[in-house]
């Protein structure tokens, strides 16, 4: 297998373990916003240290006003989507929260149509319909399952998908000037600074000194965040973005297995089919995008 593919799959697998650390931190009495803060701070420190050690020049801002991009990715995306996702995990289950997070690409398609005038092709419309159908199966709307259908978990789950989509939207502007790892680093630095007022340091200081809390807090910032982004970015530099997006669909599979096998959460066959629909829609769009780009290149070559 291509080494770049291995890095991408490993990074996505690490992303899929986020819920393990979140659930264990909840057991110590941390709230969703506090867990978001812990993730932001540990990730920001680790990513900054890595960038300073490997490519300090890449941290230089071209313009101070460029911070607006990172406010978008850090506040409107990372803080918002993490809070929504962690809350969805708290009030529902890991598989449901993860499946709803993966509605993000559908939101990207819709937002890109309005913001960047990207064409809403037939394939994209079909993928959106499949995503909507899959989401309805996951949340218990089709067929109606009152036990699975919880409005709060649905709203927070879809909110995480929307926040996840915002990262792609704001990053699109920032990528004109910065590489993806620099964007990620500044994203978490801005998020960490923004979250300073929202953490009860006096109340939780003693708790933060407990060995297991340090392990889970540091683990959350390192393995499924800093380490995952670093190796994913490395893999992304050596393969096509569309192929990388397809490979990252291993993330919800890992998260679902953690929820079912470790935390003994229920996930019915119908919900699994729904998740498969959502993941399938992501793959369809990426495969079509890759195929279309190849055709366009061939046409351009034949015309030259």
Protein backbone atom coordinates (compact mmCIF):
# COMPACT_ATOMS: atom_id res chain seq x y z
CA UNK A 1 0.00 0.00 0.00
CA UNK A 2 1.11 3.57 -0.75
CA UNK A 3 2.87 4.99 2.33
CA UNK A 4 0.85 8.21 2.05
CA UNK A 5 -2.35 6.15 2.26
CA UNK A 6 -1.09 4.51 5.45
CA UNK A 7 -0.44 7.90 7.06
CA UNK A 8 -3.89 9.18 6.08
CA UNK A 9 -5.64 6.04 7.36
CA UNK A 10 -3.63 6.17 10.60
CA UNK A 11 -4.50 9.85 11.09
CA UNK A 12 -8.20 9.18 10.47
CA UNK A 13 -8.06 6.22 12.86
CA UNK A 14 -6.64 8.49 15.54
CA UNK A 15 -9.47 10.99 14.93
CA UNK A 16 -11.88 8.15 15.49
CA UNK A 17 -10.54 7.61 19.03
CA UNK A 18 -11.58 11.09 20.23
CA UNK A 19 -14.70 9.74 21.92
CA UNK A 20 -12.62 7.39 24.11
CA UNK A 21 -10.87 10.32 25.80
CA UNK A 22 -14.01 12.45 25.92
CA UNK A 23 -16.09 9.76 27.62
CA UNK A 24 -13.39 9.14 30.23
CA UNK A 25 -13.03 12.86 30.96
CA UNK A 26 -16.80 13.07 31.42
CA UNK A 27 -16.48 10.38 34.08
CA UNK A 28 -14.30 12.81 36.09
CA UNK A 29 -16.95 15.52 35.95
CA UNK A 30 -15.73 17.66 33.06
CA UNK A 31 -18.37 19.39 30.92
CA UNK A 32 -18.34 19.43 27.09
CA UNK A 33 -16.96 23.01 26.99
CA UNK A 34 -14.23 22.13 29.49
CA UNK A 35 -13.21 19.13 27.38
CA UNK A 36 -13.11 21.37 24.29
CA UNK A 37 -10.80 23.71 26.22
CA UNK A 38 -8.50 20.86 27.27
CA UNK A 39 -8.28 19.65 23.67
CA UNK A 40 -7.62 23.14 22.31
CA UNK A 41 -4.85 23.97 24.79
CA UNK A 42 -2.95 20.67 24.64
CA UNK A 43 -3.23 20.61 20.84
CA UNK A 44 -2.11 24.23 20.47
CA UNK A 45 0.98 23.68 22.63
CA UNK A 46 1.99 20.45 20.88
CA UNK A 47 1.42 21.82 17.37
CA UNK A 48 3.32 25.02 18.15
CA UNK A 49 6.29 23.04 19.51
CA UNK A 50 6.28 20.83 16.41
CA UNK A 51 6.13 23.80 14.02
CA UNK A 52 8.88 25.66 15.89
CA UNK A 53 11.10 22.58 15.75
CA UNK A 54 10.50 21.72 12.10
CA UNK A 55 9.54 24.87 10.18
CA UNK A 56 9.39 28.03 12.35
CA UNK A 57 9.26 30.29 9.27
CA UNK A 58 5.88 28.81 8.32
CA UNK A 59 4.38 30.37 11.46
CA UNK A 60 5.02 33.90 10.20
CA UNK A 61 1.82 35.76 9.38
CA UNK A 62 1.78 37.47 5.98
CA UNK A 63 -0.60 40.08 7.37
CA UNK A 64 -2.00 40.62 10.86
CA UNK A 65 -5.46 40.80 9.30
CA UNK A 66 -5.05 37.17 8.21
CA UNK A 67 -6.05 36.27 11.76
CA UNK A 68 -9.62 36.60 10.54
CA UNK A 69 -9.21 33.27 8.73
CA UNK A 70 -8.09 31.57 11.92
CA UNK A 71 -10.86 33.15 13.95
CA UNK A 72 -13.16 31.48 11.44
CA UNK A 73 -11.49 28.08 11.68
CA UNK A 74 -10.76 28.33 15.41
CA UNK A 75 -13.94 29.86 16.83
CA UNK A 76 -16.71 29.23 14.30
CA UNK A 77 -15.42 25.78 13.40
CA UNK A 78 -13.23 24.04 16.02
CA UNK A 79 -14.88 25.43 19.16
CA UNK A 80 -18.40 25.22 17.76
CA UNK A 81 -18.11 21.76 16.18
CA UNK A 82 -16.21 20.26 19.13
CA UNK A 83 -18.75 21.60 21.61
CA UNK A 84 -21.65 20.27 19.53
CA UNK A 85 -19.99 16.90 18.96
CA UNK A 86 -18.97 16.42 22.60
CA UNK A 87 -22.47 17.41 23.73
CA UNK A 88 -24.01 14.97 21.24
CA UNK A 89 -21.76 12.23 22.65
CA UNK A 90 -22.88 13.14 26.17
CA UNK A 91 -26.64 13.09 25.50
CA UNK A 92 -26.80 10.29 22.90
CA UNK A 93 -24.20 7.73 21.83
CA UNK A 94 -20.81 7.80 20.12
CA UNK A 95 -22.05 6.09 16.90
CA UNK A 96 -24.96 8.52 16.48
CA UNK A 97 -22.81 11.58 17.22
CA UNK A 98 -20.13 10.41 14.79
CA UNK A 99 -22.61 9.63 12.02
CA UNK A 100 -24.15 13.10 12.32
CA UNK A 101 -20.69 14.69 12.32
CA UNK A 102 -20.15 13.15 8.90
CA UNK A 103 -23.00 15.20 7.45
CA UNK A 104 -20.25 17.86 7.25
CA UNK A 105 -19.45 17.22 3.57
CA UNK A 106 -23.13 17.73 2.72
CA UNK A 107 -23.03 21.13 4.43
CA UNK A 108 -19.79 21.93 2.54
CA UNK A 109 -21.56 21.17 -0.75
CA UNK A 110 -24.48 23.47 0.10
CA UNK A 111 -22.33 26.31 1.47
CA UNK A 112 -19.92 26.11 -1.48
CA UNK A 113 -22.85 26.48 -3.88
CA UNK A 114 -23.89 29.76 -2.26
CA UNK A 115 -20.46 31.16 -1.31
CA UNK A 116 -18.20 30.00 -4.14
CA UNK A 117 -20.79 29.40 -6.87
CA UNK A 118 -19.61 25.79 -7.17
CA UNK A 119 -22.04 23.87 -9.40
CA UNK A 120 -24.63 21.69 -7.70
CA UNK A 121 -24.32 18.73 -10.04
CA UNK A 122 -26.67 15.78 -10.31
CA UNK A 123 -24.17 13.58 -8.46
CA UNK A 124 -23.97 16.10 -5.60
CA UNK A 125 -27.76 16.28 -5.36
CA UNK A 126 -27.97 12.48 -5.26
CA UNK A 127 -25.28 12.41 -2.56
CA UNK A 128 -27.21 15.02 -0.54
CA UNK A 129 -30.38 12.92 -0.80
CA UNK A 130 -28.49 9.79 0.31
CA UNK A 131 -27.02 11.75 3.24
CA UNK A 132 -30.49 12.98 4.24
CA UNK A 133 -31.91 9.46 4.02
CA UNK A 134 -28.97 8.01 5.98
CA UNK A 135 -29.31 10.69 8.65
CA UNK A 136 -33.03 9.90 8.98
CA UNK A 137 -32.16 6.24 9.59
CA UNK A 138 -29.46 7.05 12.15
CA UNK A 139 -31.61 9.41 14.27
CA UNK A 140 -34.65 7.12 14.22
CA UNK A 141 -36.87 9.22 11.98
CA UNK A 142 -37.19 6.45 9.36
CA UNK A 143 -38.79 4.25 10.57
CA UNK A 144 -40.00 6.37 13.49
CA UNK A 145 -38.24 5.17 16.64
CA UNK A 146 -39.10 7.34 19.64
CA UNK A 147 -36.29 5.80 21.71
CA UNK A 148 -33.62 6.74 19.17
CA UNK A 149 -35.24 10.01 18.06
CA UNK A 150 -33.91 12.67 20.45
CA UNK A 151 -34.19 16.25 19.24
CA UNK A 152 -31.27 17.50 21.34
CA UNK A 153 -28.82 14.92 20.03
CA UNK A 154 -29.99 15.58 16.46
CA UNK A 155 -29.52 19.35 16.73
CA UNK A 156 -26.10 19.09 18.37
CA UNK A 157 -25.06 16.31 15.97
CA UNK A 158 -26.05 18.33 12.91
CA UNK A 159 -24.43 21.39 14.53
CA UNK A 160 -21.16 19.46 14.70
CA UNK A 161 -21.50 18.66 10.99
CA UNK A 162 -22.10 22.32 10.18
CA UNK A 163 -19.14 23.42 12.31
CA UNK A 164 -17.00 20.75 10.65
CA UNK A 165 -18.00 22.20 7.27
CA UNK A 166 -17.02 25.71 8.35
CA UNK A 167 -13.41 24.53 8.66
CA UNK A 168 -13.31 23.68 4.95
CA UNK A 169 -14.95 26.97 4.02
CA UNK A 170 -12.63 29.23 6.04
CA UNK A 171 -9.57 27.12 5.19
CA UNK A 172 -10.24 27.64 1.50
CA UNK A 173 -9.43 31.33 1.96
CA UNK A 174 -6.41 30.69 4.19
CA UNK A 175 -4.88 28.05 1.87
CA UNK A 176 -4.10 30.80 -0.63
CA UNK A 177 -1.36 31.97 1.77
CA UNK A 178 -0.63 29.17 4.27
CA UNK A 179 -0.10 25.41 4.27
CA UNK A 180 -2.62 23.14 5.96
CA UNK A 181 -0.50 22.39 9.06
CA UNK A 182 0.11 26.10 9.72
CA UNK A 183 -3.63 26.71 9.41
CA UNK A 184 -4.32 23.90 11.88
CA UNK A 185 -1.75 25.26 14.35
CA UNK A 186 -3.13 28.80 14.28
CA UNK A 187 -6.65 27.40 14.45
CA UNK A 188 -6.00 25.68 17.77
CA UNK A 189 -3.97 28.61 19.14
CA UNK A 190 -6.85 31.01 18.46
CA UNK A 191 -9.34 28.50 19.88
CA UNK A 192 -7.24 28.01 23.04
CA UNK A 193 -6.93 31.75 23.68
CA UNK A 194 -10.65 32.29 23.05
CA UNK A 195 -11.56 29.56 25.55
CA UNK A 196 -9.50 30.95 28.47
CA UNK A 197 -12.53 32.62 30.16
CA UNK A 198 -14.65 29.47 29.88
CA UNK A 199 -12.59 27.10 32.04
CA UNK A 200 -13.05 27.05 35.86
CA UNK A 201 -9.35 26.86 36.70
CA UNK A 202 -9.78 27.28 40.46
CA UNK A 203 -12.39 24.53 40.69
CA UNK A 204 -10.64 22.04 38.42
CA UNK A 205 -6.94 22.63 39.22
CA UNK A 206 -6.74 19.78 41.73
CA UNK A 207 -8.54 17.48 39.29
CA UNK A 208 -6.14 18.41 36.49
CA UNK A 209 -3.23 17.14 38.60
CA UNK A 210 -4.62 13.61 38.85
CA UNK A 211 -2.49 11.19 36.78
CA UNK A 212 -5.41 9.65 34.86
CA UNK A 213 -6.88 13.07 34.01
CA UNK A 214 -3.46 14.21 32.75
CA UNK A 215 -3.26 11.02 30.68
CA UNK A 216 -6.70 11.49 29.11
CA UNK A 217 -6.29 15.27 28.67
CA UNK A 218 -2.83 14.99 27.12
CA UNK A 219 -3.93 11.98 25.10
CA UNK A 220 -6.87 13.94 23.66
CA UNK A 221 -4.58 16.75 22.53
CA UNK A 222 -1.84 14.45 21.25
CA UNK A 223 -3.08 11.27 19.53
CA UNK A 224 -6.44 12.25 17.95
CA UNK A 225 -5.43 15.87 17.39
CA UNK A 226 -1.79 17.01 17.03
CA UNK A 227 -0.33 13.66 15.96
CA UNK A 228 -3.32 12.86 13.74
CA UNK A 229 -3.18 16.23 11.95
CA UNK A 230 0.60 16.03 11.47
CA UNK A 231 0.61 12.58 9.86
CA UNK A 232 -2.58 13.30 7.90
CA UNK A 233 -1.02 16.48 6.51
CA UNK A 234 2.12 14.56 5.57
CA UNK A 235 0.02 11.95 3.77
CA UNK A 236 -2.06 14.65 2.08
CA UNK A 237 1.08 16.22 0.59
CA UNK A 238 1.78 12.96 -1.27
CA UNK A 239 -1.66 12.08 -2.61
CA UNK A 240 -4.80 13.65 -4.08
CA UNK A 241 -7.20 15.42 -1.70
CA UNK A 242 -10.17 13.46 -3.09
CA UNK A 243 -8.49 10.13 -2.35
CA UNK A 244 -7.54 11.34 1.13
CA UNK A 245 -11.17 12.29 1.84
CA UNK A 246 -12.30 8.79 0.93
CA UNK A 247 -9.68 7.20 3.19
CA UNK A 248 -10.75 9.35 6.15
CA UNK A 249 -14.12 7.59 6.19
CA UNK A 250 -12.38 5.02 8.40
CA UNK A 251 -12.87 7.58 11.23
CA UNK A 252 -16.60 6.98 11.88
CA UNK A 253 -16.04 3.22 11.66
CA UNK A 254 -13.39 3.35 14.40
CA UNK A 255 -15.54 5.67 16.54
CA UNK A 256 -18.56 3.38 16.17
CA UNK A 257 -16.55 0.31 17.17
CA UNK A 258 -15.27 2.15 20.27
CA UNK A 259 -18.83 3.08 21.24
CA UNK A 260 -20.15 -0.45 20.77
CA UNK A 261 -17.21 -2.55 22.00
CA UNK A 262 -15.76 -0.40 24.81
CA UNK A 263 -18.72 1.62 26.10
CA UNK A 264 -21.37 -1.02 25.22
CA UNK A 265 -23.56 1.49 23.38
CA UNK A 266 -26.39 0.24 21.19
CA UNK A 267 -26.43 0.80 17.45
CA UNK A 268 -29.10 -1.03 15.48
CA UNK A 269 -28.77 -2.57 12.03
CA UNK A 270 -30.96 0.21 10.57
CA UNK A 271 -28.68 2.85 12.11
CA UNK A 272 -25.64 1.05 10.68
CA UNK A 273 -27.27 1.17 7.24
CA UNK A 274 -27.86 4.88 7.77
CA UNK A 275 -24.21 5.45 8.64
CA UNK A 276 -23.19 3.44 5.56
CA UNK A 277 -25.39 5.75 3.44
CA UNK A 278 -23.73 8.87 4.88
CA UNK A 279 -20.22 7.49 4.35
CA UNK A 280 -21.23 6.23 0.90
CA UNK A 281 -22.42 9.70 -0.09
CA UNK A 282 -19.01 11.14 0.86
CA UNK A 283 -17.23 8.51 -1.24
CA UNK A 284 -19.55 9.05 -4.25
CA UNK A 285 -18.83 12.79 -4.36
CA UNK A 286 -15.08 12.30 -3.96
CA UNK A 287 -14.87 9.59 -6.62
CA UNK A 288 -16.94 11.70 -9.02
CA UNK A 289 -14.79 14.78 -8.33
CA UNK A 290 -11.61 12.81 -8.97
CA UNK A 291 -13.04 11.29 -12.16
CA UNK A 292 -14.22 14.69 -13.44
CA UNK A 293 -10.81 16.28 -12.86
CA UNK A 294 -9.13 13.48 -14.85
CA UNK A 295 -11.56 13.99 -17.77
CA UNK A 296 -10.95 17.75 -17.74
CA UNK A 297 -7.18 17.22 -17.80
CA UNK A 298 -7.48 14.82 -20.75
CA UNK A 299 -9.67 17.27 -22.67
CA UNK A 300 -7.19 20.08 -21.97
CA UNK A 301 -4.29 17.94 -23.20
CA UNK A 302 -6.10 16.88 -26.36
CA UNK A 303 -6.95 20.49 -27.15
CA UNK A 304 -3.40 21.75 -26.72
